[in-house]
Amino acid sequence: MKLTWFGMTTFRIQIGGQIVVVDAHASPDGIVSNELISGSDQQVLWDEALPHADGATWKRRPAERLLDAGDRQRPVVIWSVGPRGLLLDGDDERPLLVLASDVPQLGRWAQEAVVVLAGANIRQAGQKVLDMASPKLIALAVDGGVVDTTFAALKPRLDGTGLIALEPGLAVEV
């Protein structure tokens, strides 16, 4: 899985052998949305009508049998987990939860997840995620000044969860 944050709530995500672009048309100045979505397999907007997943009871789709799969690749499935919350499930990848608003209730699946937090109040969102689960990784998509205070607040509570800060335009493989 590779995450690239372009600023604000715009992401380019390589997951399950596919490229998903989130909120391309809200990209910051200097980012051309047509170039951003070029080569992508799916584009999604935060307010798009997507199937809803209950974060407390969601389960990953079962792995496809090799005999059934053939040469084709199953598309990444994207669910809404509330306003400005996306849950992505790609084959052979950890679940990816991208949140730019409130944190939904999280089930056991979140222990294996990568969680990306963007927008305002990420420190509180990070604390809420850690109250419910210890995901494999939390990635912060926020400008510099807030990163330091968020790291300081979350560090004592990590208990095995990785914590990184995303830089605009820099791809991070997780």
N, C-alpha and C. Protein backbone atom coordinates (compact mmCIF):
# COMPACT_ATOMS: atom_id res chain seq x y z
N MET A 1 0.85 -1.17 0.00
CA MET A 1 0.00 0.00 0.00
C MET A 1 0.90 1.24 0.00
N LYS A 2 0.54 2.20 -0.83
CA LYS A 2 1.29 3.44 -0.90
C LYS A 2 0.31 4.60 -0.76
N LEU A 3 0.63 5.51 0.15
CA LEU A 3 -0.21 6.67 0.42
C LEU A 3 0.50 7.93 -0.02
N THR A 4 -0.18 8.76 -0.79
CA THR A 4 0.35 10.08 -1.13
C THR A 4 -0.71 11.10 -0.78
N TRP A 5 -0.35 12.00 0.10
CA TRP A 5 -1.25 13.07 0.52
C TRP A 5 -0.81 14.34 -0.22
N PHE A 6 -1.75 15.03 -0.83
CA PHE A 6 -1.41 16.22 -1.60
C PHE A 6 -1.78 17.50 -0.87
N GLY A 7 -2.30 17.39 0.32
CA GLY A 7 -2.75 18.55 1.08
C GLY A 7 -4.26 18.51 1.19
N MET A 8 -4.76 19.27 2.18
CA MET A 8 -6.19 19.30 2.45
C MET A 8 -6.69 17.86 2.64
N THR A 9 -7.65 17.42 1.83
CA THR A 9 -8.20 16.06 1.96
C THR A 9 -8.04 15.29 0.65
N THR A 10 -6.98 15.58 -0.09
CA THR A 10 -6.73 14.93 -1.37
C THR A 10 -5.65 13.87 -1.22
N PHE A 11 -5.97 12.65 -1.65
CA PHE A 11 -5.05 11.52 -1.54
C PHE A 11 -4.99 10.74 -2.85
N ARG A 12 -3.86 10.11 -3.09
CA ARG A 12 -3.70 9.12 -4.15
C ARG A 12 -3.20 7.88 -3.43
N ILE A 13 -3.97 6.80 -3.52
CA ILE A 13 -3.70 5.59 -2.75
C ILE A 13 -3.51 4.42 -3.70
N GLN A 14 -2.40 3.73 -3.56
CA GLN A 14 -2.18 2.49 -4.30
C GLN A 14 -2.47 1.36 -3.31
N ILE A 15 -3.50 0.59 -3.62
CA ILE A 15 -3.95 -0.47 -2.73
C ILE A 15 -4.48 -1.62 -3.57
N GLY A 16 -4.11 -2.82 -3.22
CA GLY A 16 -4.62 -4.00 -3.93
C GLY A 16 -4.29 -3.99 -5.41
N GLY A 17 -3.14 -3.41 -5.78
CA GLY A 17 -2.74 -3.36 -7.18
C GLY A 17 -3.48 -2.32 -8.00
N GLN A 18 -4.20 -1.43 -7.35
CA GLN A 18 -4.97 -0.41 -8.05
C GLN A 18 -4.69 0.97 -7.45
N ILE A 19 -5.11 1.99 -8.16
CA ILE A 19 -4.92 3.36 -7.70
C ILE A 19 -6.29 4.00 -7.47
N VAL A 20 -6.48 4.51 -6.26
CA VAL A 20 -7.71 5.20 -5.89
C VAL A 20 -7.34 6.64 -5.53
N VAL A 21 -8.04 7.60 -6.13
CA VAL A 21 -7.81 9.01 -5.84
C VAL A 21 -9.01 9.53 -5.06
N VAL A 22 -8.72 10.19 -3.95
CA VAL A 22 -9.76 10.73 -3.08
C VAL A 22 -9.75 12.25 -3.19
N ASP A 23 -10.91 12.82 -3.49
CA ASP A 23 -11.14 14.27 -3.45
C ASP A 23 -10.19 15.05 -4.37
N ALA A 24 -10.03 14.59 -5.61
CA ALA A 24 -9.09 15.21 -6.54
C ALA A 24 -9.43 16.66 -6.83
N HIS A 25 -10.71 16.99 -6.92
CA HIS A 25 -11.11 18.34 -7.31
C HIS A 25 -10.95 19.36 -6.18
N ALA A 26 -10.63 18.91 -4.98
CA ALA A 26 -10.37 19.82 -3.88
C ALA A 26 -8.88 19.96 -3.61
N SER A 27 -8.07 19.51 -4.55
CA SER A 27 -6.62 19.55 -4.36
C SER A 27 -6.14 20.99 -4.22
N PRO A 28 -5.05 21.17 -3.48
CA PRO A 28 -4.52 22.52 -3.26
C PRO A 28 -4.01 23.15 -4.56
N ASP A 29 -3.79 24.46 -4.53
CA ASP A 29 -3.22 25.17 -5.68
C ASP A 29 -1.92 24.51 -6.09
N GLY A 30 -1.70 24.44 -7.39
CA GLY A 30 -0.48 23.85 -7.91
C GLY A 30 -0.62 22.39 -8.27
N ILE A 31 -1.70 21.75 -7.83
CA ILE A 31 -1.95 20.35 -8.17
C ILE A 31 -3.04 20.33 -9.23
N VAL A 32 -2.73 19.79 -10.38
CA VAL A 32 -3.70 19.72 -11.47
C VAL A 32 -4.51 18.43 -11.31
N SER A 33 -5.83 18.57 -11.11
CA SER A 33 -6.65 17.40 -10.81
C SER A 33 -6.64 16.38 -11.95
N ASN A 34 -6.55 16.82 -13.19
CA ASN A 34 -6.50 15.87 -14.31
C ASN A 34 -5.23 15.01 -14.26
N GLU A 35 -4.12 15.60 -13.87
CA GLU A 35 -2.89 14.83 -13.72
C GLU A 35 -2.98 13.89 -12.53
N LEU A 36 -3.61 14.35 -11.48
CA LEU A 36 -3.75 13.54 -10.27
C LEU A 36 -4.56 12.28 -10.54
N ILE A 37 -5.63 12.38 -11.32
CA ILE A 37 -6.47 11.20 -11.57
C ILE A 37 -5.99 10.38 -12.76
N SER A 38 -5.01 10.89 -13.49
CA SER A 38 -4.48 10.15 -14.64
C SER A 38 -3.95 8.79 -14.20
N GLY A 39 -4.42 7.75 -14.85
CA GLY A 39 -3.97 6.39 -14.54
C GLY A 39 -4.65 5.75 -13.35
N SER A 40 -5.57 6.46 -12.72
CA SER A 40 -6.24 5.88 -11.55
C SER A 40 -7.33 4.91 -11.99
N ASP A 41 -7.61 3.95 -11.12
CA ASP A 41 -8.66 2.98 -11.38
C ASP A 41 -10.01 3.44 -10.84
N GLN A 42 -9.98 4.21 -9.75
CA GLN A 42 -11.21 4.72 -9.15
C GLN A 42 -10.95 6.12 -8.61
N GLN A 43 -11.97 6.97 -8.68
CA GLN A 43 -11.93 8.28 -8.04
C GLN A 43 -13.15 8.35 -7.13
N VAL A 44 -12.96 8.95 -5.97
CA VAL A 44 -14.05 9.04 -5.01
C VAL A 44 -14.04 10.42 -4.37
N LEU A 45 -15.23 10.91 -4.09
CA LEU A 45 -15.40 12.18 -3.39
C LEU A 45 -15.95 11.89 -2.00
N TRP A 46 -15.65 12.75 -1.05
CA TRP A 46 -16.11 12.52 0.32
C TRP A 46 -17.63 12.45 0.42
N ASP A 47 -18.32 13.29 -0.35
CA ASP A 47 -19.77 13.32 -0.23
C ASP A 47 -20.47 12.43 -1.25
N GLU A 48 -19.72 11.57 -1.92
CA GLU A 48 -20.29 10.67 -2.91
C GLU A 48 -21.16 9.61 -2.23
N ALA A 49 -22.20 9.22 -2.92
CA ALA A 49 -23.08 8.16 -2.39
C ALA A 49 -22.36 6.82 -2.54
N LEU A 50 -21.88 6.30 -1.45
CA LEU A 50 -21.18 5.02 -1.42
C LEU A 50 -21.95 4.06 -0.52
N PRO A 51 -21.75 2.76 -0.70
CA PRO A 51 -22.36 1.83 0.25
C PRO A 51 -21.85 2.14 1.66
N HIS A 52 -22.74 2.04 2.63
CA HIS A 52 -22.36 2.35 4.01
C HIS A 52 -21.88 1.08 4.73
N ALA A 53 -20.83 1.23 5.50
CA ALA A 53 -20.34 0.13 6.35
C ALA A 53 -20.41 0.58 7.80
N ASP A 54 -20.88 -0.30 8.65
CA ASP A 54 -20.88 -0.05 10.08
C ASP A 54 -19.50 -0.43 10.60
N GLY A 55 -18.75 0.56 11.08
CA GLY A 55 -17.39 0.33 11.53
C GLY A 55 -17.27 -0.68 12.67
N ALA A 56 -18.33 -0.85 13.44
CA ALA A 56 -18.29 -1.78 14.57
C ALA A 56 -18.45 -3.23 14.13
N THR A 57 -19.17 -3.47 13.03
CA THR A 57 -19.47 -4.85 12.64
C THR A 57 -18.90 -5.24 11.28
N TRP A 58 -18.25 -4.33 10.58
CA TRP A 58 -17.72 -4.62 9.25
C TRP A 58 -16.73 -5.77 9.29
N LYS A 59 -16.74 -6.57 8.24
CA LYS A 59 -15.77 -7.66 8.10
C LYS A 59 -15.20 -7.59 6.70
N ARG A 60 -13.94 -7.97 6.59
CA ARG A 60 -13.28 -7.99 5.28
C ARG A 60 -13.94 -9.03 4.40
N ARG A 61 -13.92 -8.79 3.11
CA ARG A 61 -14.44 -9.79 2.19
C ARG A 61 -13.47 -10.97 2.18
N PRO A 62 -13.99 -12.17 2.01
CA PRO A 62 -13.10 -13.33 2.03
C PRO A 62 -12.15 -13.31 0.84
N ALA A 63 -11.00 -13.91 1.04
CA ALA A 63 -10.02 -14.01 -0.05
C ALA A 63 -10.61 -14.87 -1.16
N GLU A 64 -10.29 -14.51 -2.37
CA GLU A 64 -10.79 -15.25 -3.53
C GLU A 64 -9.92 -16.48 -3.74
N ARG A 65 -10.56 -17.59 -4.06
CA ARG A 65 -9.80 -18.80 -4.35
C ARG A 65 -9.04 -18.61 -5.65
N LEU A 66 -7.83 -19.15 -5.72
CA LEU A 66 -7.02 -18.99 -6.92
C LEU A 66 -7.71 -19.54 -8.16
N LEU A 67 -8.45 -20.64 -7.99
CA LEU A 67 -9.16 -21.19 -9.14
C LEU A 67 -10.22 -20.23 -9.67
N ASP A 68 -10.85 -19.49 -8.78
CA ASP A 68 -11.89 -18.54 -9.18
C ASP A 68 -11.32 -17.23 -9.71
N ALA A 69 -10.16 -16.85 -9.23
CA ALA A 69 -9.61 -15.55 -9.57
C ALA A 69 -9.14 -15.46 -11.01
N GLY A 70 -8.49 -16.47 -11.48
CA GLY A 70 -7.95 -16.42 -12.84
C GLY A 70 -6.92 -15.31 -12.95
N ASP A 71 -6.92 -14.62 -14.09
CA ASP A 71 -5.95 -13.55 -14.32
C ASP A 71 -6.48 -12.17 -13.93
N ARG A 72 -7.72 -12.09 -13.59
CA ARG A 72 -8.29 -10.78 -13.29
C ARG A 72 -8.04 -10.39 -11.83
N GLN A 73 -8.11 -9.12 -11.59
CA GLN A 73 -7.92 -8.58 -10.26
C GLN A 73 -9.24 -8.00 -9.78
N ARG A 74 -9.64 -8.35 -8.56
CA ARG A 74 -10.88 -7.78 -8.04
C ARG A 74 -10.69 -6.31 -7.72
N PRO A 75 -11.69 -5.51 -8.02
CA PRO A 75 -11.56 -4.08 -7.70
C PRO A 75 -11.54 -3.84 -6.19
N VAL A 76 -10.86 -2.78 -5.81
CA VAL A 76 -10.87 -2.33 -4.42
C VAL A 76 -12.30 -1.91 -4.10
N VAL A 77 -12.80 -2.33 -2.94
CA VAL A 77 -14.15 -1.96 -2.52
C VAL A 77 -14.02 -0.78 -1.55
N ILE A 78 -14.85 0.24 -1.78
CA ILE A 78 -14.82 1.45 -0.96
C ILE A 78 -16.18 1.65 -0.32
N TRP A 79 -16.18 1.81 1.00
CA TRP A 79 -17.40 2.07 1.75
C TRP A 79 -17.30 3.42 2.44
N SER A 80 -18.45 3.99 2.72
CA SER A 80 -18.55 5.16 3.57
C SER A 80 -18.73 4.67 5.01
N VAL A 81 -18.02 5.30 5.93
CA VAL A 81 -18.21 4.98 7.35
C VAL A 81 -18.67 6.23 8.10
N GLY A 82 -19.44 7.02 7.40
CA GLY A 82 -19.95 8.25 7.98
C GLY A 82 -19.48 9.43 7.16
N PRO A 83 -19.86 10.63 7.57
CA PRO A 83 -19.46 11.80 6.81
C PRO A 83 -17.93 11.93 6.78
N ARG A 84 -17.38 12.06 5.60
CA ARG A 84 -15.95 12.23 5.40
C ARG A 84 -15.13 11.10 6.02
N GLY A 85 -15.65 9.90 5.85
CA GLY A 85 -14.94 8.70 6.30
C GLY A 85 -15.03 7.61 5.25
N LEU A 86 -13.90 7.05 4.86
CA LEU A 86 -13.85 6.01 3.84
C LEU A 86 -13.13 4.79 4.38
N LEU A 87 -13.62 3.63 3.98
CA LEU A 87 -12.99 2.36 4.33
C LEU A 87 -12.70 1.63 3.03
N LEU A 88 -11.43 1.30 2.79
CA LEU A 88 -11.02 0.65 1.56
C LEU A 88 -10.54 -0.76 1.86
N ASP A 89 -10.99 -1.71 1.03
CA ASP A 89 -10.61 -3.11 1.19
C ASP A 89 -10.06 -3.60 -0.14
N GLY A 90 -8.76 -3.82 -0.19
CA GLY A 90 -8.10 -4.33 -1.38
C GLY A 90 -7.48 -5.69 -1.09
N ASP A 91 -7.45 -6.55 -2.09
CA ASP A 91 -6.87 -7.87 -1.90
C ASP A 91 -5.41 -7.78 -1.45
N ASP A 92 -5.05 -8.65 -0.53
CA ASP A 92 -3.68 -8.77 -0.02
C ASP A 92 -3.16 -7.49 0.65
N GLU A 93 -4.05 -6.69 1.20
CA GLU A 93 -3.68 -5.45 1.89
C GLU A 93 -4.42 -5.36 3.21
N ARG A 94 -3.90 -4.55 4.11
CA ARG A 94 -4.62 -4.25 5.35
C ARG A 94 -5.82 -3.35 5.02
N PRO A 95 -6.86 -3.39 5.83
CA PRO A 95 -7.94 -2.42 5.62
C PRO A 95 -7.39 -1.01 5.80
N LEU A 96 -7.88 -0.08 5.02
CA LEU A 96 -7.45 1.31 5.11
C LEU A 96 -8.65 2.17 5.47
N LEU A 97 -8.54 2.87 6.59
CA LEU A 97 -9.58 3.77 7.06
C LEU A 97 -9.06 5.19 6.92
N VAL A 98 -9.73 6.01 6.11
CA VAL A 98 -9.34 7.39 5.88
C VAL A 98 -10.44 8.27 6.46
N LEU A 99 -10.06 9.10 7.43
CA LEU A 99 -11.04 9.92 8.14
C LEU A 99 -10.67 11.39 8.07
N ALA A 100 -11.62 12.22 7.68
CA ALA A 100 -11.44 13.67 7.70
C ALA A 100 -12.50 14.32 8.57
N SER A 101 -13.09 13.54 9.47
CA SER A 101 -14.15 14.03 10.33
C SER A 101 -14.23 13.12 11.55
N ASP A 102 -15.44 12.85 12.01
CA ASP A 102 -15.64 12.05 13.21
C ASP A 102 -15.16 10.62 13.04
N VAL A 103 -14.73 10.04 14.14
CA VAL A 103 -14.29 8.64 14.15
C VAL A 103 -15.52 7.77 14.45
N PRO A 104 -15.81 6.81 13.57
CA PRO A 104 -16.95 5.92 13.83
C PRO A 104 -16.55 4.86 14.87
N GLN A 105 -17.52 4.10 15.34
CA GLN A 105 -17.20 2.96 16.19
C GLN A 105 -16.37 1.98 15.37
N LEU A 106 -15.39 1.37 16.00
CA LEU A 106 -14.49 0.45 15.30
C LEU A 106 -14.58 -0.94 15.92
N GLY A 107 -14.58 -1.94 15.06
CA GLY A 107 -14.62 -3.33 15.51
C GLY A 107 -13.22 -3.94 15.56
N ARG A 108 -13.18 -5.26 15.70
CA ARG A 108 -11.90 -5.97 15.82
C ARG A 108 -11.03 -5.84 14.59
N TRP A 109 -11.64 -5.63 13.43
CA TRP A 109 -10.89 -5.49 12.19
C TRP A 109 -9.89 -4.35 12.27
N ALA A 110 -10.16 -3.34 13.08
CA ALA A 110 -9.31 -2.15 13.17
C ALA A 110 -7.93 -2.46 13.76
N GLN A 111 -7.79 -3.59 14.44
CA GLN A 111 -6.48 -3.98 14.98
C GLN A 111 -5.45 -4.19 13.87
N GLU A 112 -5.91 -4.56 12.68
CA GLU A 112 -5.03 -4.82 11.54
C GLU A 112 -5.00 -3.67 10.55
N ALA A 113 -5.68 -2.59 10.84
CA ALA A 113 -5.89 -1.52 9.86
C ALA A 113 -4.77 -0.49 9.84
N VAL A 114 -4.73 0.24 8.73
CA VAL A 114 -3.97 1.48 8.62
C VAL A 114 -5.03 2.59 8.68
N VAL A 115 -4.82 3.56 9.55
CA VAL A 115 -5.78 4.65 9.73
C VAL A 115 -5.10 5.96 9.33
N VAL A 116 -5.73 6.69 8.43
CA VAL A 116 -5.23 8.00 8.01
C VAL A 116 -6.19 9.05 8.56
N LEU A 117 -5.63 10.01 9.28
CA LEU A 117 -6.43 11.09 9.86
C LEU A 117 -6.07 12.39 9.17
N ALA A 118 -7.08 13.11 8.70
CA ALA A 118 -6.88 14.38 7.99
C ALA A 118 -7.85 15.41 8.54
N GLY A 119 -7.59 16.66 8.22
CA GLY A 119 -8.51 17.72 8.61
C GLY A 119 -8.27 18.22 10.02
N ALA A 120 -9.28 18.87 10.56
CA ALA A 120 -9.19 19.46 11.90
C ALA A 120 -9.35 18.40 12.98
N ASN A 121 -8.91 18.72 14.17
CA ASN A 121 -9.09 17.88 15.36
C ASN A 121 -8.47 16.49 15.23
N ILE A 122 -7.31 16.39 14.59
CA ILE A 122 -6.73 15.05 14.43
C ILE A 122 -6.20 14.49 15.74
N ARG A 123 -5.81 15.35 16.66
CA ARG A 123 -5.34 14.84 17.95
C ARG A 123 -6.47 14.12 18.68
N GLN A 124 -7.65 14.74 18.72
CA GLN A 124 -8.80 14.11 19.36
C GLN A 124 -9.21 12.86 18.59
N ALA A 125 -9.16 12.92 17.26
CA ALA A 125 -9.51 11.74 16.46
C ALA A 125 -8.54 10.60 16.74
N GLY A 126 -7.26 10.91 16.82
CA GLY A 126 -6.26 9.89 17.14
C GLY A 126 -6.48 9.27 18.50
N GLN A 127 -6.83 10.09 19.47
CA GLN A 127 -7.10 9.57 20.81
C GLN A 127 -8.33 8.67 20.80
N LYS A 128 -9.34 9.05 20.05
CA LYS A 128 -10.56 8.24 19.98
C LYS A 128 -10.28 6.91 19.29
N VAL A 129 -9.48 6.93 18.22
CA VAL A 129 -9.11 5.67 17.55
C VAL A 129 -8.38 4.76 18.54
N LEU A 130 -7.43 5.32 19.28
CA LEU A 130 -6.66 4.51 20.24
C LEU A 130 -7.49 4.05 21.43
N ASP A 131 -8.57 4.76 21.76
CA ASP A 131 -9.48 4.30 22.80
C ASP A 131 -10.20 3.02 22.39
N MET A 132 -10.47 2.88 21.07
CA MET A 132 -11.24 1.75 20.57
C MET A 132 -10.38 0.61 20.06
N ALA A 133 -9.19 0.90 19.55
CA ALA A 133 -8.38 -0.13 18.90
C ALA A 133 -6.92 0.30 18.92
N SER A 134 -6.05 -0.65 18.64
CA SER A 134 -4.63 -0.36 18.44
C SER A 134 -4.29 -0.76 17.01
N PRO A 135 -4.58 0.12 16.05
CA PRO A 135 -4.31 -0.24 14.66
C PRO A 135 -2.81 -0.41 14.43
N LYS A 136 -2.46 -1.02 13.30
CA LYS A 136 -1.05 -1.21 12.97
C LYS A 136 -0.35 0.12 12.78
N LEU A 137 -1.06 1.09 12.18
CA LEU A 137 -0.44 2.37 11.86
C LEU A 137 -1.49 3.47 11.85
N ILE A 138 -1.10 4.64 12.36
CA ILE A 138 -1.88 5.86 12.21
C ILE A 138 -1.01 6.84 11.44
N ALA A 139 -1.55 7.37 10.35
CA ALA A 139 -0.85 8.36 9.54
C ALA A 139 -1.58 9.68 9.65
N LEU A 140 -0.84 10.74 9.93
CA LEU A 140 -1.42 12.06 10.11
C LEU A 140 -1.22 12.89 8.85
N ALA A 141 -2.29 13.38 8.29
CA ALA A 141 -2.25 14.23 7.10
C ALA A 141 -2.66 15.63 7.52
N VAL A 142 -1.68 16.36 8.03
CA VAL A 142 -1.95 17.68 8.57
C VAL A 142 -0.68 18.53 8.48
N ASP A 143 -0.86 19.83 8.45
CA ASP A 143 0.28 20.73 8.35
C ASP A 143 1.13 20.70 9.61
N GLY A 144 2.38 21.10 9.44
CA GLY A 144 3.45 21.00 10.42
C GLY A 144 3.16 21.29 11.88
N GLY A 145 2.63 22.46 12.23
CA GLY A 145 2.50 22.83 13.63
C GLY A 145 1.65 21.88 14.45
N VAL A 146 0.62 21.34 13.86
CA VAL A 146 -0.28 20.44 14.59
C VAL A 146 0.37 19.06 14.79
N VAL A 147 1.29 18.70 13.92
CA VAL A 147 1.92 17.38 14.00
C VAL A 147 2.63 17.21 15.34
N ASP A 148 3.41 18.20 15.75
CA ASP A 148 4.18 18.08 16.99
C ASP A 148 3.30 17.86 18.20
N THR A 149 2.24 18.66 18.33
CA THR A 149 1.36 18.51 19.49
C THR A 149 0.59 17.19 19.44
N THR A 150 0.25 16.74 18.23
CA THR A 150 -0.47 15.48 18.09
C THR A 150 0.44 14.31 18.44
N PHE A 151 1.68 14.33 17.97
CA PHE A 151 2.64 13.29 18.32
C PHE A 151 2.82 13.23 19.83
N ALA A 152 2.99 14.39 20.47
CA ALA A 152 3.19 14.43 21.92
C ALA A 152 2.00 13.84 22.66
N ALA A 153 0.79 14.13 22.19
CA ALA A 153 -0.41 13.62 22.87
C ALA A 153 -0.62 12.14 22.65
N LEU A 154 -0.29 11.64 21.47
CA LEU A 154 -0.57 10.24 21.15
C LEU A 154 0.55 9.28 21.55
N LYS A 155 1.78 9.76 21.60
CA LYS A 155 2.93 8.88 21.84
C LYS A 155 2.80 7.98 23.07
N PRO A 156 2.37 8.49 24.23
CA PRO A 156 2.28 7.60 25.39
C PRO A 156 1.19 6.52 25.28
N ARG A 157 0.30 6.64 24.31
CA ARG A 157 -0.84 5.73 24.21
C ARG A 157 -0.69 4.72 23.07
N LEU A 158 0.41 4.75 22.33
CA LEU A 158 0.52 3.96 21.11
C LEU A 158 0.53 2.45 21.34
N ASP A 159 1.28 1.96 22.30
CA ASP A 159 1.29 0.53 22.65
C ASP A 159 1.39 -0.38 21.42
N GLY A 160 2.41 -0.14 20.59
CA GLY A 160 2.63 -0.99 19.42
C GLY A 160 2.08 -0.44 18.12
N THR A 161 1.30 0.61 18.17
CA THR A 161 0.78 1.25 16.96
C THR A 161 1.84 2.19 16.40
N GLY A 162 2.11 2.09 15.10
CA GLY A 162 3.03 3.02 14.46
C GLY A 162 2.35 4.36 14.25
N LEU A 163 3.14 5.43 14.24
CA LEU A 163 2.61 6.77 14.04
C LEU A 163 3.54 7.52 13.10
N ILE A 164 2.99 8.02 11.98
CA ILE A 164 3.79 8.78 11.03
C ILE A 164 3.05 10.05 10.63
N ALA A 165 3.80 11.01 10.12
CA ALA A 165 3.22 12.22 9.56
C ALA A 165 3.45 12.19 8.06
N LEU A 166 2.41 12.45 7.29
CA LEU A 166 2.52 12.50 5.84
C LEU A 166 2.94 13.90 5.41
N GLU A 167 3.79 13.97 4.41
CA GLU A 167 4.23 15.24 3.82
C GLU A 167 3.51 15.43 2.51
N PRO A 168 3.01 16.62 2.22
CA PRO A 168 2.31 16.81 0.95
C PRO A 168 3.18 16.45 -0.26
N GLY A 169 2.63 15.61 -1.13
CA GLY A 169 3.31 15.22 -2.35
C GLY A 169 4.33 14.09 -2.20
N LEU A 170 4.58 13.65 -0.98
CA LEU A 170 5.56 12.58 -0.75
C LEU A 170 4.85 11.26 -0.53
N ALA A 171 5.14 10.28 -1.36
CA ALA A 171 4.51 8.96 -1.25
C ALA A 171 5.18 8.17 -0.13
N VAL A 172 4.38 7.48 0.66
CA VAL A 172 4.87 6.65 1.75
C VAL A 172 4.33 5.25 1.56
N GLU A 173 5.22 4.28 1.54
CA GLU A 173 4.80 2.89 1.41
C GLU A 173 4.63 2.31 2.82
N VAL A 174 3.46 1.74 3.06
CA VAL A 174 3.18 1.14 4.38
C VAL A 174 2.83 -0.32 4.24
